[in-house]
Amino acid sequence: MMKRFKPVYTLFLTALLLFISQSVFGQKSFGREPEKFIKELESFMNKNEYPKAQLAFADFKIKFDAKRIPDNELQRIIITCNEMLDKKMKPSPDFESFLKTVTGFINAGKMESHYM
């Protein structure tokens, strides 16, 4: 009797493991379009409820919404964030530190390509 259910059990277990791995690793990359990127980054930064990461994102989003980030610099930020995702970096401390650094450059008026 158990032999009949083994393929079904194996299939169920495989599907469950795939679902869990998607939930754990989740985000594969951020969209290249600014509006899609900011929405996906917000979701990523808020999913685990790290207060410091959420604050870093909120500060970054203020600069983004105010159009204080030139398009060419924003594309470099998106590329860097995607590379960070590829390396399985986490919202806190990795992305938190990166966004704080970018925001600091913007506040200091030093947002130039050679800094990134």
Protein backbone atom coordinates (compact mmCIF):
# COMPACT_ATOMS: atom_id res chain seq x y z
CA MET A 1 0.00 0.00 0.00
CA MET A 2 2.82 2.43 0.85
CA LYS A 3 4.48 1.80 -2.54
CA ARG A 4 1.45 3.25 -4.33
CA PHE A 5 1.69 6.50 -2.42
CA LYS A 6 5.44 6.91 -2.64
CA PRO A 7 5.42 8.82 -5.99
CA VAL A 8 2.63 11.09 -4.74
CA TYR A 9 4.44 11.64 -1.44
CA THR A 10 7.72 12.40 -3.26
CA LEU A 11 5.97 14.84 -5.60
CA PHE A 12 4.26 16.57 -2.66
CA LEU A 13 7.52 16.84 -0.73
CA THR A 14 9.33 18.26 -3.76
CA ALA A 15 6.62 20.87 -4.34
CA LEU A 16 6.70 21.84 -0.67
CA LEU A 17 10.48 22.26 -0.71
CA LEU A 18 10.31 24.41 -3.85
CA PHE A 19 7.67 26.62 -2.25
CA ILE A 20 9.72 26.99 0.93
CA SER A 21 12.88 27.83 -0.99
CA GLN A 22 11.01 30.54 -2.94
CA SER A 23 9.76 31.99 0.34
CA VAL A 24 13.20 31.94 1.91
CA PHE A 25 15.17 33.30 -1.02
CA GLY A 26 12.27 35.32 -2.44
CA GLN A 27 13.49 38.25 -4.44
CA LYS A 28 15.70 37.31 -7.39
CA SER A 29 16.27 40.80 -8.79
CA PHE A 30 14.86 44.30 -8.77
CA GLY A 31 13.25 45.82 -11.85
CA ARG A 32 15.36 48.19 -13.95
CA GLU A 33 12.59 50.79 -14.22
CA PRO A 34 12.77 53.31 -11.34
CA GLU A 35 9.13 52.97 -10.21
CA LYS A 36 9.25 49.17 -10.25
CA PHE A 37 12.62 49.20 -8.49
CA ILE A 38 11.45 51.43 -5.63
CA LYS A 39 8.31 49.32 -5.03
CA GLU A 40 10.28 46.07 -5.02
CA LEU A 41 13.01 47.54 -2.81
CA GLU A 42 10.37 48.77 -0.36
CA SER A 43 8.82 45.31 -0.17
CA PHE A 44 12.24 43.72 0.32
CA MET A 45 13.29 46.18 3.04
CA ASN A 46 10.00 45.84 4.93
CA LYS A 47 9.41 42.10 4.75
CA ASN A 48 11.37 41.14 7.86
CA GLU A 49 10.52 44.22 9.92
CA TYR A 50 14.02 45.48 10.63
CA PRO A 51 13.32 48.98 12.03
CA LYS A 52 16.73 50.37 11.08
CA ALA A 53 16.47 48.97 7.54
CA GLN A 54 12.99 50.45 7.18
CA LEU A 55 14.27 53.84 8.33
CA ALA A 56 17.19 53.69 5.89
CA PHE A 57 14.76 52.90 3.08
CA ALA A 58 12.38 55.70 4.14
CA ASP A 59 15.24 58.23 4.01
CA PHE A 60 16.31 56.92 0.59
CA LYS A 61 12.72 57.05 -0.72
CA ILE A 62 12.43 60.70 0.30
CA LYS A 63 15.43 61.48 -1.92
CA PHE A 64 14.02 59.28 -4.70
CA ASP A 65 10.59 60.96 -4.57
CA ALA A 66 12.21 64.41 -4.58
CA LYS A 67 14.11 63.44 -7.77
CA ARG A 68 17.43 64.13 -6.02
CA ILE A 69 19.05 61.09 -7.67
CA PRO A 70 20.13 61.58 -11.30
CA ASP A 71 18.92 58.86 -13.68
CA ASN A 72 22.41 57.58 -14.46
CA GLU A 73 23.18 57.29 -10.73
CA LEU A 74 19.87 55.57 -10.05
CA GLN A 75 20.71 52.96 -12.69
CA ARG A 76 24.03 52.34 -10.94
CA ILE A 77 22.18 51.96 -7.62
CA ILE A 78 19.77 49.44 -9.20
CA ILE A 79 22.68 47.45 -10.65
CA THR A 80 24.46 47.45 -7.29
CA CYS A 81 21.30 46.34 -5.46
CA ASN A 82 20.85 43.48 -7.93
CA GLU A 83 24.45 42.42 -7.42
CA MET A 84 23.85 42.50 -3.67
CA LEU A 85 20.79 40.26 -4.12
CA ASP A 86 22.86 37.86 -6.23
CA LYS A 87 25.22 37.57 -3.27
CA LYS A 88 22.23 36.89 -0.98
CA MET A 89 22.81 40.01 1.09
CA LYS A 90 20.13 40.83 3.62
CA PRO A 91 18.02 43.95 4.25
CA SER A 92 19.89 44.50 7.50
CA PRO A 93 22.76 45.19 7.79
CA ASP A 94 23.77 45.00 4.10
CA PHE A 95 21.13 47.01 2.21
CA GLU A 96 20.62 49.23 5.24
CA SER A 97 24.29 50.27 5.18
CA PHE A 98 24.29 50.75 1.42
CA LEU A 99 21.17 52.95 1.44
CA LYS A 100 22.52 55.01 4.34
CA THR A 101 25.75 55.56 2.41
CA VAL A 102 23.92 56.60 -0.77
CA THR A 103 21.67 58.94 1.22
CA GLY A 104 24.74 60.43 2.91
CA PHE A 105 26.35 61.15 -0.48
CA ILE A 106 23.13 62.79 -1.68
CA ASN A 107 22.89 64.93 1.48
CA ALA A 108 26.50 66.02 1.06
CA GLY A 109 25.94 66.90 -2.61
CA LYS A 110 28.58 64.37 -3.64
CA MET A 111 26.50 61.96 -5.69
CA GLU A 112 28.91 61.24 -8.53
CA SER A 113 29.68 58.11 -10.53
CA HIS A 114 33.19 57.70 -9.16
CA TYR A 115 31.79 57.09 -5.66
CA MET A 116 29.98 53.94 -6.73
